[in-house]
Amino acid sequence: MASNLSHSTPVTRAVGAPGADVVERQSAEVLKVSTRSRPSAVAGAIAGVIRDSGVAEVQSIGAGATNQAIKAVAIARSYLSEEGIDIVCTPSFIDVAIDDEERTAIRLLVERR
């Protein structure tokens, strides 16, 4: 589930899936979402990163994973709104290397408004 990015190599953290690994953070927090990720768990991670640094990057590959990621952003927005924090999400494409193979992922940049 964890993979290296082709444009840079920030350390990533897989969230919301059983046995998700937590790795030390280097730059912007990158949250990898899979089809099996629980949106509420991913939302909690997004909210925590937003509280800490104001910006989170969510990556997903495929329709199922992207569906879970979008639901997580919506849930995180409701979590944070209770604290008076509003967030916005900017979608884009990103190339990632998985097992020495390039894949196109959806990148959701989540930031405080």
PDB file of N, CA and C in Angstrom:
ATOM      1  N   MET A   1       0.809  -1.184   0.000  1.00  0.00           N
ATOM      2  CA  MET A   1       0.000   0.000   0.000  1.00  0.00           C
ATOM      3  C   MET A   1       0.856   1.252   0.000  1.00  0.00           C
ATOM      4  N   ALA A   2       1.942   1.294   0.714  1.00  0.00           N
ATOM      5  CA  ALA A   2       2.830   2.451   0.712  1.00  0.00           C
ATOM      6  C   ALA A   2       3.718   2.384  -0.514  1.00  0.00           C
ATOM      7  N   SER A   3       3.910   3.530  -1.179  1.00  0.00           N
ATOM      8  CA  SER A   3       4.749   3.558  -2.370  1.00  0.00           C
ATOM      9  C   SER A   3       5.488   4.879  -2.410  1.00  0.00           C
ATOM     10  N   ASN A   4       6.520   4.946  -3.233  1.00  0.00           N
ATOM     11  CA  ASN A   4       7.290   6.164  -3.374  1.00  0.00           C
ATOM     12  C   ASN A   4       6.686   7.022  -4.455  1.00  0.00           C
ATOM     13  N   LEU A   5       6.755   8.336  -4.301  1.00  0.00           N
ATOM     14  CA  LEU A   5       6.268   9.259  -5.304  1.00  0.00           C
ATOM     15  C   LEU A   5       7.356   9.493  -6.327  1.00  0.00           C
ATOM     16  N   SER A   6       6.953   9.683  -7.594  1.00  0.00           N
ATOM     17  CA  SER A   6       7.945   9.879  -8.635  1.00  0.00           C
ATOM     18  C   SER A   6       8.527  11.289  -8.622  1.00  0.00           C
ATOM     19  N   HIS A   7       7.758  12.317  -8.192  1.00  0.00           N
ATOM     20  CA  HIS A   7       8.252  13.684  -8.220  1.00  0.00           C
ATOM     21  C   HIS A   7       9.093  14.035  -7.006  1.00  0.00           C
ATOM     22  N   SER A   8       8.875  13.369  -5.911  1.00  0.00           N
ATOM     23  CA  SER A   8       9.660  13.566  -4.703  1.00  0.00           C
ATOM     24  C   SER A   8       9.447  12.346  -3.822  1.00  0.00           C
ATOM     25  N   THR A   9      10.088  12.324  -2.684  1.00  0.00           N
ATOM     26  CA  THR A   9       9.952  11.146  -1.843  1.00  0.00           C
ATOM     27  C   THR A   9       9.557  11.499  -0.419  1.00  0.00           C
ATOM     28  N   PRO A  10       8.379  12.148  -0.227  1.00  0.00           N
ATOM     29  CA  PRO A  10       7.960  12.350   1.159  1.00  0.00           C
ATOM     30  C   PRO A  10       7.588  11.011   1.771  1.00  0.00           C
ATOM     31  N   VAL A  11       7.782  10.904   3.061  1.00  0.00           N
ATOM     32  CA  VAL A  11       7.406   9.678   3.751  1.00  0.00           C
ATOM     33  C   VAL A  11       5.893   9.643   3.842  1.00  0.00           C
ATOM     34  N   THR A  12       5.302   8.457   3.648  1.00  0.00           N
ATOM     35  CA  THR A  12       3.856   8.340   3.618  1.00  0.00           C
ATOM     36  C   THR A  12       3.346   7.549   4.804  1.00  0.00           C
ATOM     37  N   ARG A  13       2.046   7.645   5.029  1.00  0.00           N
ATOM     38  CA  ARG A  13       1.403   6.879   6.082  1.00  0.00           C
ATOM     39  C   ARG A  13       0.117   6.309   5.508  1.00  0.00           C
ATOM     40  N   ALA A  14      -0.027   4.995   5.580  1.00  0.00           N
ATOM     41  CA  ALA A  14      -1.273   4.360   5.162  1.00  0.00           C
ATOM     42  C   ALA A  14      -2.246   4.460   6.315  1.00  0.00           C
ATOM     43  N   VAL A  15      -3.489   4.815   6.034  1.00  0.00           N
ATOM     44  CA  VAL A  15      -4.462   4.999   7.103  1.00  0.00           C
ATOM     45  C   VAL A  15      -5.745   4.252   6.807  1.00  0.00           C
ATOM     46  N   GLY A  16      -6.469   3.945   7.865  1.00  0.00           N
ATOM     47  CA  GLY A  16      -7.803   3.402   7.735  1.00  0.00           C
ATOM     48  C   GLY A  16      -7.892   1.952   7.349  1.00  0.00           C
ATOM     49  N   ALA A  17      -6.776   1.276   7.204  1.00  0.00           N
ATOM     50  CA  ALA A  17      -6.781  -0.133   6.829  1.00  0.00           C
ATOM     51  C   ALA A  17      -6.146  -0.936   7.959  1.00  0.00           C
ATOM     52  N   PRO A  18      -6.585  -2.159   8.144  1.00  0.00           N
ATOM     53  CA  PRO A  18      -5.976  -2.984   9.184  1.00  0.00           C
ATOM     54  C   PRO A  18      -4.466  -3.105   8.961  1.00  0.00           C
ATOM     55  N   GLY A  19      -3.703  -2.946  10.031  1.00  0.00           N
ATOM     56  CA  GLY A  19      -2.248  -3.091   9.941  1.00  0.00           C
ATOM     57  C   GLY A  19      -1.561  -1.927   9.256  1.00  0.00           C
ATOM     58  N   ALA A  20      -2.201  -0.760   9.192  1.00  0.00           N
ATOM     59  CA  ALA A  20      -1.601   0.388   8.530  1.00  0.00           C
ATOM     60  C   ALA A  20      -0.307   0.780   9.244  1.00  0.00           C
ATOM     61  N   ASP A  21       0.719   1.060   8.456  1.00  0.00           N
ATOM     62  CA  ASP A  21       2.013   1.439   9.002  1.00  0.00           C
ATOM     63  C   ASP A  21       2.059   2.942   9.228  1.00  0.00           C
ATOM     64  N   VAL A  22       2.698   3.361  10.304  1.00  0.00           N
ATOM     65  CA  VAL A  22       2.915   4.775  10.563  1.00  0.00           C
ATOM     66  C   VAL A  22       4.409   5.009  10.462  1.00  0.00           C
ATOM     67  N   VAL A  23       4.795   5.989   9.624  1.00  0.00           N
ATOM     68  CA  VAL A  23       6.197   6.260   9.366  1.00  0.00           C
ATOM     69  C   VAL A  23       6.453   7.732   9.678  1.00  0.00           C
ATOM     70  N   GLU A  24       7.668   8.043  10.111  1.00  0.00           N
ATOM     71  CA  GLU A  24       8.014   9.416  10.449  1.00  0.00           C
ATOM     72  C   GLU A  24       7.781  10.354   9.263  1.00  0.00           C
ATOM     73  N   ARG A  25       7.270  11.547   9.554  1.00  0.00           N
ATOM     74  CA  ARG A  25       6.913  12.523   8.532  1.00  0.00           C
ATOM     75  C   ARG A  25       8.110  13.389   8.171  1.00  0.00           C
ATOM     76  N   GLN A  26       8.333  13.617   6.839  1.00  0.00           N
ATOM     77  CA  GLN A  26       9.413  14.480   6.388  1.00  0.00           C
ATOM     78  C   GLN A  26       8.910  15.840   5.924  1.00  0.00           C
ATOM     79  N   SER A  27       7.890  15.863   5.042  1.00  0.00           N
ATOM     80  CA  SER A  27       7.382  17.137   4.542  1.00  0.00           C
ATOM     81  C   SER A  27       5.874  17.125   4.684  1.00  0.00           C
ATOM     82  N   ALA A  28       5.156  17.402   3.626  1.00  0.00           N
ATOM     83  CA  ALA A  28       3.691  17.369   3.701  1.00  0.00           C
ATOM     84  C   ALA A  28       3.240  15.937   3.976  1.00  0.00           C
ATOM     85  N   GLU A  29       2.276  15.797   4.874  1.00  0.00           N
ATOM     86  CA  GLU A  29       1.777  14.466   5.230  1.00  0.00           C
ATOM     87  C   GLU A  29       0.999  13.895   4.052  1.00  0.00           C
ATOM     88  N   VAL A  30       1.376  12.695   3.609  1.00  0.00           N
ATOM     89  CA  VAL A  30       0.699  12.014   2.507  1.00  0.00           C
ATOM     90  C   VAL A  30      -0.061  10.834   3.088  1.00  0.00           C
ATOM     91  N   LEU A  31      -1.374  10.832   2.891  1.00  0.00           N
ATOM     92  CA  LEU A  31      -2.223   9.759   3.386  1.00  0.00           C
ATOM     93  C   LEU A  31      -2.665   8.924   2.195  1.00  0.00           C
ATOM     94  N   LYS A  32      -2.314   7.655   2.205  1.00  0.00           N
ATOM     95  CA  LYS A  32      -2.677   6.741   1.117  1.00  0.00           C
ATOM     96  C   LYS A  32      -3.977   6.038   1.482  1.00  0.00           C
ATOM     97  N   VAL A  33      -4.938   6.048   0.576  1.00  0.00           N
ATOM     98  CA  VAL A  33      -6.245   5.459   0.823  1.00  0.00           C
ATOM     99  C   VAL A  33      -6.462   4.304  -0.143  1.00  0.00           C
ATOM    100  N   SER A  34      -6.966   3.188   0.383  1.00  0.00           N
ATOM    101  CA  SER A  34      -7.293   2.035  -0.462  1.00  0.00           C
ATOM    102  C   SER A  34      -8.798   1.806  -0.439  1.00  0.00           C
ATOM    103  N   THR A  35      -9.229   0.870  -1.235  1.00  0.00           N
ATOM    104  CA  THR A  35     -10.645   0.505  -1.275  1.00  0.00           C
ATOM    105  C   THR A  35     -11.120   0.020   0.089  1.00  0.00           C
ATOM    106  N   ARG A  36     -10.239  -0.621   0.846  1.00  0.00           N
ATOM    107  CA  ARG A  36     -10.595  -1.180   2.154  1.00  0.00           C
ATOM    108  C   ARG A  36     -10.484  -0.180   3.304  1.00  0.00           C
ATOM    109  N   SER A  37     -10.005   1.033   3.016  1.00  0.00           N
ATOM    110  CA  SER A  37      -9.867   2.053   4.059  1.00  0.00           C
ATOM    111  C   SER A  37     -11.239   2.465   4.585  1.00  0.00           C
ATOM    112  N   ARG A  38     -11.322   2.635   5.905  1.00  0.00           N
ATOM    113  CA  ARG A  38     -12.561   3.123   6.519  1.00  0.00           C
ATOM    114  C   ARG A  38     -12.573   4.651   6.436  1.00  0.00           C
ATOM    115  N   PRO A  39     -13.573   5.222   5.778  1.00  0.00           N
ATOM    116  CA  PRO A  39     -13.606   6.682   5.618  1.00  0.00           C
ATOM    117  C   PRO A  39     -13.524   7.448   6.939  1.00  0.00           C
ATOM    118  N   SER A  40     -14.150   6.943   7.998  1.00  0.00           N
ATOM    119  CA  SER A  40     -14.103   7.652   9.282  1.00  0.00           C
ATOM    120  C   SER A  40     -12.682   7.667   9.853  1.00  0.00           C
ATOM    121  N   ALA A  41     -11.937   6.582   9.668  1.00  0.00           N
ATOM    122  CA  ALA A  41     -10.549   6.540  10.142  1.00  0.00           C
ATOM    123  C   ALA A  41      -9.665   7.487   9.334  1.00  0.00           C
ATOM    124  N   VAL A  42      -9.858   7.498   8.026  1.00  0.00           N
ATOM    125  CA  VAL A  42      -9.095   8.408   7.170  1.00  0.00           C
ATOM    126  C   VAL A  42      -9.460   9.850   7.513  1.00  0.00           C
ATOM    127  N   ALA A  43     -10.750  10.107   7.759  1.00  0.00           N
ATOM    128  CA  ALA A  43     -11.201  11.455   8.125  1.00  0.00           C
ATOM    129  C   ALA A  43     -10.528  11.930   9.411  1.00  0.00           C
ATOM    130  N   GLY A  44     -10.411  11.041  10.385  1.00  0.00           N
ATOM    131  CA  GLY A  44      -9.728  11.393  11.624  1.00  0.00           C
ATOM    132  C   GLY A  44      -8.273  11.745  11.384  1.00  0.00           C
ATOM    133  N   ALA A  45      -7.625  10.989  10.487  1.00  0.00           N
ATOM    134  CA  ALA A  45      -6.226  11.284  10.158  1.00  0.00           C
ATOM    135  C   ALA A  45      -6.110  12.621   9.437  1.00  0.00           C
ATOM    136  N   ILE A  46      -7.017  12.876   8.494  1.00  0.00           N
ATOM    137  CA  ILE A  46      -7.002  14.161   7.782  1.00  0.00           C
ATOM    138  C   ILE A  46      -7.196  15.300   8.779  1.00  0.00           C
ATOM    139  N   ALA A  47      -8.177  15.179   9.650  1.00  0.00           N
ATOM    140  CA  ALA A  47      -8.449  16.234  10.635  1.00  0.00           C
ATOM    141  C   ALA A  47      -7.236  16.475  11.530  1.00  0.00           C
ATOM    142  N   GLY A  48      -6.589  15.407  11.959  1.00  0.00           N
ATOM    143  CA  GLY A  48      -5.402  15.550  12.802  1.00  0.00           C
ATOM    144  C   GLY A  48      -4.272  16.260  12.097  1.00  0.00           C
ATOM    145  N   VAL A  49      -4.039  15.917  10.846  1.00  0.00           N
ATOM    146  CA  VAL A  49      -2.970  16.563  10.076  1.00  0.00           C
ATOM    147  C   VAL A  49      -3.311  18.033   9.836  1.00  0.00           C
ATOM    148  N   ILE A  50      -4.572  18.316   9.532  1.00  0.00           N
ATOM    149  CA  ILE A  50      -4.987  19.707   9.314  1.00  0.00           C
ATOM    150  C   ILE A  50      -4.788  20.515  10.593  1.00  0.00           C
ATOM    151  N   ARG A  51      -5.138  19.951  11.737  1.00  0.00           N
ATOM    152  CA  ARG A  51      -4.946  20.657  13.008  1.00  0.00           C
ATOM    153  C   ARG A  51      -3.466  20.944  13.248  1.00  0.00           C
ATOM    154  N   ASP A  52      -2.607  19.963  12.915  1.00  0.00           N
ATOM    155  CA  ASP A  52      -1.168  20.095  13.163  1.00  0.00           C
ATOM    156  C   ASP A  52      -0.474  21.031  12.183  1.00  0.00           C
ATOM    157  N   SER A  53      -0.724  20.832  10.887  1.00  0.00           N
ATOM    158  CA  SER A  53       0.066  21.561   9.891  1.00  0.00           C
ATOM    159  C   SER A  53      -0.761  22.381   8.911  1.00  0.00           C
ATOM    160  N   GLY A  54      -2.075  22.223   8.904  1.00  0.00           N
ATOM    161  CA  GLY A  54      -2.905  23.029   8.017  1.00  0.00           C
ATOM    162  C   GLY A  54      -3.068  22.492   6.616  1.00  0.00           C
ATOM    163  N   VAL A  55      -2.327  21.439   6.265  1.00  0.00           N
ATOM    164  CA  VAL A  55      -2.419  20.880   4.917  1.00  0.00           C
ATOM    165  C   VAL A  55      -2.169  19.376   4.963  1.00  0.00           C
ATOM    166  N   ALA A  56      -2.977  18.642   4.189  1.00  0.00           N
ATOM    167  CA  ALA A  56      -2.806  17.187   4.075  1.00  0.00           C
ATOM    168  C   ALA A  56      -2.951  16.801   2.615  1.00  0.00           C
ATOM    169  N   GLU A  57      -2.204  15.789   2.211  1.00  0.00           N
ATOM    170  CA  GLU A  57      -2.314  15.253   0.857  1.00  0.00           C
ATOM    171  C   GLU A  57      -2.878  13.844   0.950  1.00  0.00           C
ATOM    172  N   VAL A  58      -3.965  13.595   0.221  1.00  0.00           N
ATOM    173  CA  VAL A  58      -4.615  12.293   0.207  1.00  0.00           C
ATOM    174  C   VAL A  58      -4.436  11.710  -1.188  1.00  0.00           C
ATOM    175  N   GLN A  59      -3.929  10.479  -1.272  1.00  0.00           N
ATOM    176  CA  GLN A  59      -3.723   9.828  -2.568  1.00  0.00           C
ATOM    177  C   GLN A  59      -4.535   8.553  -2.657  1.00  0.00           C
ATOM    178  N   SER A  60      -5.077   8.302  -3.857  1.00  0.00           N
ATOM    179  CA  SER A  60      -5.841   7.078  -4.100  1.00  0.00           C
ATOM    180  C   SER A  60      -5.639   6.638  -5.537  1.00  0.00           C
ATOM    181  N   ILE A  61      -5.706   5.332  -5.741  1.00  0.00           N
ATOM    182  CA  ILE A  61      -5.623   4.771  -7.087  1.00  0.00           C
ATOM    183  C   ILE A  61      -6.853   3.901  -7.299  1.00  0.00           C
ATOM    184  N   GLY A  62      -7.634   4.231  -8.312  1.00  0.00           N
ATOM    185  CA  GLY A  62      -8.820   3.457  -8.635  1.00  0.00           C
ATOM    186  C   GLY A  62     -10.088   4.067  -8.078  1.00  0.00           C
ATOM    187  N   ALA A  63     -11.210   3.631  -8.671  1.00  0.00           N
ATOM    188  CA  ALA A  63     -12.510   4.202  -8.316  1.00  0.00           C
ATOM    189  C   ALA A  63     -12.898   3.939  -6.869  1.00  0.00           C
ATOM    190  N   GLY A  64     -12.704   2.720  -6.382  1.00  0.00           N
ATOM    191  CA  GLY A  64     -13.086   2.386  -5.012  1.00  0.00           C
ATOM    192  C   GLY A  64     -12.302   3.178  -3.991  1.00  0.00           C
ATOM    193  N   ALA A  65     -11.010   3.294  -4.190  1.00  0.00           N
ATOM    194  CA  ALA A  65     -10.163   4.046  -3.264  1.00  0.00           C
ATOM    195  C   ALA A  65     -10.486   5.535  -3.319  1.00  0.00           C
ATOM    196  N   THR A  66     -10.744   6.045  -4.511  1.00  0.00           N
ATOM    197  CA  THR A  66     -11.084   7.459  -4.650  1.00  0.00           C
ATOM    198  C   THR A  66     -12.426   7.750  -3.981  1.00  0.00           C
ATOM    199  N   ASN A  67     -13.377   6.842  -4.096  1.00  0.00           N
ATOM    200  CA  ASN A  67     -14.663   6.982  -3.417  1.00  0.00           C
ATOM    201  C   ASN A  67     -14.461   7.096  -1.898  1.00  0.00           C
ATOM    202  N   GLN A  68     -13.637   6.219  -1.342  1.00  0.00           N
ATOM    203  CA  GLN A  68     -13.372   6.255   0.098  1.00  0.00           C
ATOM    204  C   GLN A  68     -12.675   7.565   0.482  1.00  0.00           C
ATOM    205  N   ALA A  69     -11.759   8.030  -0.351  1.00  0.00           N
ATOM    206  CA  ALA A  69     -11.027   9.265  -0.064  1.00  0.00           C
ATOM    207  C   ALA A  69     -11.953  10.471  -0.060  1.00  0.00           C
ATOM    208  N   ILE A  70     -12.858  10.551  -1.034  1.00  0.00           N
ATOM    209  CA  ILE A  70     -13.787  11.683  -1.106  1.00  0.00           C
ATOM    210  C   ILE A  70     -14.720  11.679   0.097  1.00  0.00           C
ATOM    211  N   LYS A  71     -15.230  10.492   0.462  1.00  0.00           N
ATOM    212  CA  LYS A  71     -16.081  10.402   1.650  1.00  0.00           C
ATOM    213  C   LYS A  71     -15.307  10.853   2.885  1.00  0.00           C
ATOM    214  N   ALA A  72     -14.041  10.468   2.985  1.00  0.00           N
ATOM    215  CA  ALA A  72     -13.225  10.847   4.139  1.00  0.00           C
ATOM    216  C   ALA A  72     -13.043  12.356   4.229  1.00  0.00           C
ATOM    217  N   VAL A  73     -12.847  13.025   3.102  1.00  0.00           N
ATOM    218  CA  VAL A  73     -12.689  14.484   3.118  1.00  0.00           C
ATOM    219  C   VAL A  73     -13.983  15.141   3.602  1.00  0.00           C
ATOM    220  N   ALA A  74     -15.126  14.634   3.143  1.00  0.00           N
ATOM    221  CA  ALA A  74     -16.409  15.190   3.578  1.00  0.00           C
ATOM    222  C   ALA A  74     -16.613  14.993   5.083  1.00  0.00           C
ATOM    223  N   ILE A  75     -16.258  13.825   5.579  1.00  0.00           N
ATOM    224  CA  ILE A  75     -16.388  13.554   7.012  1.00  0.00           C
ATOM    225  C   ILE A  75     -15.424  14.426   7.808  1.00  0.00           C
ATOM    226  N   ALA A  76     -14.193  14.553   7.328  1.00  0.00           N
ATOM    227  CA  ALA A  76     -13.201  15.402   8.012  1.00  0.00           C
ATOM    228  C   ALA A  76     -13.692  16.844   8.071  1.00  0.00           C
ATOM    229  N   ARG A  77     -14.343  17.282   7.019  1.00  0.00           N
ATOM    230  CA  ARG A  77     -14.859  18.654   7.009  1.00  0.00           C
ATOM    231  C   ARG A  77     -15.884  18.850   8.120  1.00  0.00           C
ATOM    232  N   SER A  78     -16.734  17.835   8.323  1.00  0.00           N
ATOM    233  CA  SER A  78     -17.721  17.963   9.404  1.00  0.00           C
ATOM    234  C   SER A  78     -17.050  17.895  10.777  1.00  0.00           C
ATOM    235  N   TYR A  79     -16.030  17.030  10.935  1.00  0.00           N
ATOM    236  CA  TYR A  79     -15.289  16.984  12.202  1.00  0.00           C
ATOM    237  C   TYR A  79     -14.692  18.349  12.529  1.00  0.00           C
ATOM    238  N   LEU A  80     -14.041  18.950  11.536  1.00  0.00           N
ATOM    239  CA  LEU A  80     -13.329  20.201  11.759  1.00  0.00           C
ATOM    240  C   LEU A  80     -14.263  21.395  11.897  1.00  0.00           C
ATOM    241  N   SER A  81     -15.428  21.330  11.262  1.00  0.00           N
ATOM    242  CA  SER A  81     -16.369  22.457  11.353  1.00  0.00           C
ATOM    243  C   SER A  81     -16.854  22.661  12.784  1.00  0.00           C
ATOM    244  N   GLU A  82     -16.883  21.580  13.577  1.00  0.00           N
ATOM    245  CA  GLU A  82     -17.260  21.681  14.982  1.00  0.00           C
ATOM    246  C   GLU A  82     -16.265  22.529  15.780  1.00  0.00           C
ATOM    247  N   GLU A  83     -15.050  22.671  15.230  1.00  0.00           N
ATOM    248  CA  GLU A  83     -13.998  23.469  15.870  1.00  0.00           C
ATOM    249  C   GLU A  83     -13.809  24.819  15.193  1.00  0.00           C
ATOM    250  N   GLY A  84     -14.693  25.142  14.245  1.00  0.00           N
ATOM    251  CA  GLY A  84     -14.587  26.410  13.532  1.00  0.00           C
ATOM    252  C   GLY A  84     -13.540  26.411  12.444  1.00  0.00           C
ATOM    253  N   ILE A  85     -13.113  25.249  11.997  1.00  0.00           N
ATOM    254  CA  ILE A  85     -12.110  25.139  10.933  1.00  0.00           C
ATOM    255  C   ILE A  85     -12.818  24.698   9.660  1.00  0.00           C
ATOM    256  N   ASP A  86     -12.606  25.440   8.559  1.00  0.00           N
ATOM    257  CA  ASP A  86     -13.161  25.060   7.271  1.00  0.00           C
ATOM    258  C   ASP A  86     -12.012  24.610   6.373  1.00  0.00           C
ATOM    259  N   ILE A  87     -12.263  23.586   5.565  1.00  0.00           N
ATOM    260  CA  ILE A  87     -11.231  23.075   4.663  1.00  0.00           C
ATOM    261  C   ILE A  87     -11.737  23.086   3.225  1.00  0.00           C
ATOM    262  N   VAL A  88     -10.786  23.122   2.313  1.00  0.00           N
ATOM    263  CA  VAL A  88     -11.078  22.994   0.889  1.00  0.00           C
ATOM    264  C   VAL A  88     -10.225  21.865   0.334  1.00  0.00           C
ATOM    265  N   CYS A  89     -10.675  21.295  -0.774  1.00  0.00           N
ATOM    266  CA  CYS A  89      -9.992  20.158  -1.380  1.00  0.00           C
ATOM    267  C   CYS A  89      -9.734  20.467  -2.856  1.00  0.00           C
ATOM    268  N   THR A  90      -8.487  20.341  -3.281  1.00  0.00           N
ATOM    269  CA  THR A  90      -8.120  20.567  -4.675  1.00  0.00           C
ATOM    270  C   THR A  90      -7.668  19.235  -5.280  1.00  0.00           C
ATOM    271  N   PRO A  91      -8.440  18.689  -6.227  1.00  0.00           N
ATOM    272  CA  PRO A  91      -8.055  17.406  -6.843  1.00  0.00           C
ATOM    273  C   PRO A  91      -7.087  17.613  -8.006  1.00  0.00           C
ATOM    274  N   SER A  92      -6.210  16.645  -8.187  1.00  0.00           N
ATOM    275  CA  SER A  92      -5.294  16.638  -9.334  1.00  0.00           C
ATOM    276  C   SER A  92      -4.812  15.212  -9.558  1.00  0.00           C
ATOM    277  N   PHE A  93      -4.075  15.013 -10.638  1.00  0.00           N
ATOM    278  CA  PHE A  93      -3.468  13.723 -10.919  1.00  0.00           C
ATOM    279  C   PHE A  93      -2.010  13.761 -10.486  1.00  0.00           C
ATOM    280  N   ILE A  94      -1.483  12.604 -10.102  1.00  0.00           N
ATOM    281  CA  ILE A  94      -0.077  12.479  -9.735  1.00  0.00           C
ATOM    282  C   ILE A  94       0.405  11.099 -10.177  1.00  0.00           C
ATOM    283  N   ASP A  95       1.634  11.032 -10.648  1.00  0.00           N
ATOM    284  CA  ASP A  95       2.219   9.748 -11.016  1.00  0.00           C
ATOM    285  C   ASP A  95       2.956   9.178  -9.815  1.00  0.00           C
ATOM    286  N   VAL A  96       2.702   7.920  -9.511  1.00  0.00           N
ATOM    287  CA  VAL A  96       3.372   7.252  -8.403  1.00  0.00           C
ATOM    288  C   VAL A  96       4.031   5.978  -8.912  1.00  0.00           C
ATOM    289  N   ALA A  97       5.097   5.581  -8.259  1.00  0.00           N
ATOM    290  CA  ALA A  97       5.799   4.344  -8.616  1.00  0.00           C
ATOM    291  C   ALA A  97       5.394   3.257  -7.623  1.00  0.00           C
ATOM    292  N   ILE A  98       4.830   2.180  -8.134  1.00  0.00           N
ATOM    293  CA  ILE A  98       4.453   1.040  -7.305  1.00  0.00           C
ATOM    294  C   ILE A  98       5.099  -0.189  -7.913  1.00  0.00           C
ATOM    295  N   ASP A  99       5.965  -0.848  -7.145  1.00  0.00           N
ATOM    296  CA  ASP A  99       6.695  -2.025  -7.635  1.00  0.00           C
ATOM    297  C   ASP A  99       7.373  -1.733  -8.970  1.00  0.00           C
ATOM    298  N   ASP A 100       8.093  -0.602  -9.035  1.00  0.00           N
ATOM    299  CA  ASP A 100       8.826  -0.173 -10.231  1.00  0.00           C
ATOM    300  C   ASP A 100       7.933   0.031 -11.447  1.00  0.00           C
ATOM    301  N   GLU A 101       6.647   0.297 -11.222  1.00  0.00           N
ATOM    302  CA  GLU A 101       5.711   0.555 -12.307  1.00  0.00           C
ATOM    303  C   GLU A 101       5.024   1.893 -12.037  1.00  0.00           C
ATOM    304  N   GLU A 102       4.942   2.745 -13.057  1.00  0.00           N
ATOM    305  CA  GLU A 102       4.289   4.040 -12.911  1.00  0.00           C
ATOM    306  C   GLU A 102       2.775   3.872 -12.970  1.00  0.00           C
ATOM    307  N   ARG A 103       2.076   4.477 -12.010  1.00  0.00           N
ATOM    308  CA  ARG A 103       0.612   4.473 -11.979  1.00  0.00           C
ATOM    309  C   ARG A 103       0.146   5.908 -11.802  1.00  0.00           C
ATOM    310  N   THR A 104      -1.042   6.192 -12.296  1.00  0.00           N
ATOM    311  CA  THR A 104      -1.635   7.508 -12.111  1.00  0.00           C
ATOM    312  C   THR A 104      -2.589   7.442 -10.931  1.00  0.00           C
ATOM    313  N   ALA A 105      -2.401   8.339  -9.989  1.00  0.00           N
ATOM    314  CA  ALA A 105      -3.246   8.396  -8.792  1.00  0.00           C
ATOM    315  C   ALA A 105      -3.998   9.717  -8.779  1.00  0.00           C
ATOM    316  N   ILE A 106      -5.057   9.740  -7.990  1.00  0.00           N
ATOM    317  CA  ILE A 106      -5.757  10.985  -7.701  1.00  0.00           C
ATOM    318  C   ILE A 106      -5.106  11.577  -6.457  1.00  0.00           C
ATOM    319  N   ARG A 107      -4.813  12.851  -6.506  1.00  0.00           N
ATOM    320  CA  ARG A 107      -4.215  13.569  -5.372  1.00  0.00           C
ATOM    321  C   ARG A 107      -5.224  14.609  -4.909  1.00  0.00           C
ATOM    322  N   LEU A 108      -5.614  14.524  -3.661  1.00  0.00           N
ATOM    323  CA  LEU A 108      -6.516  15.503  -3.067  1.00  0.00           C
ATOM    324  C   LEU A 108      -5.705  16.338  -2.087  1.00  0.00           C
ATOM    325  N   LEU A 109      -5.489  17.591  -2.407  1.00  0.00           N
ATOM    326  CA  LEU A 109      -4.779  18.486  -1.509  1.00  0.00           C
ATOM    327  C   LEU A 109      -5.826  19.153  -0.628  1.00  0.00           C
ATOM    328  N   VAL A 110      -5.774  18.861   0.651  1.00  0.00           N
ATOM    329  CA  VAL A 110      -6.751  19.369   1.617  1.00  0.00           C
ATOM    330  C   VAL A 110      -6.064  20.449   2.442  1.00  0.00           C
ATOM    331  N   GLU A 111      -6.655  21.648   2.451  1.00  0.00           N
ATOM    332  CA  GLU A 111      -6.065  22.780   3.155  1.00  0.00           C
ATOM    333  C   GLU A 111      -7.117  23.550   3.925  1.00  0.00           C
ATOM    334  N   ARG A 112      -6.654  24.291   4.946  1.00  0.00           N
ATOM    335  CA  ARG A 112      -7.560  25.214   5.639  1.00  0.00           C
ATOM    336  C   ARG A 112      -7.986  26.299   4.656  1.00  0.00           C
ATOM    337  N   ARG A 113      -9.246  26.709   4.783  1.00  0.00           N
ATOM    338  CA  ARG A 113      -9.741  27.799   3.946  1.00  0.00           C
ATOM    339  C   ARG A 113      -9.339  29.112   4.571  1.00  0.00           C
TER     340      ARG A 113
END
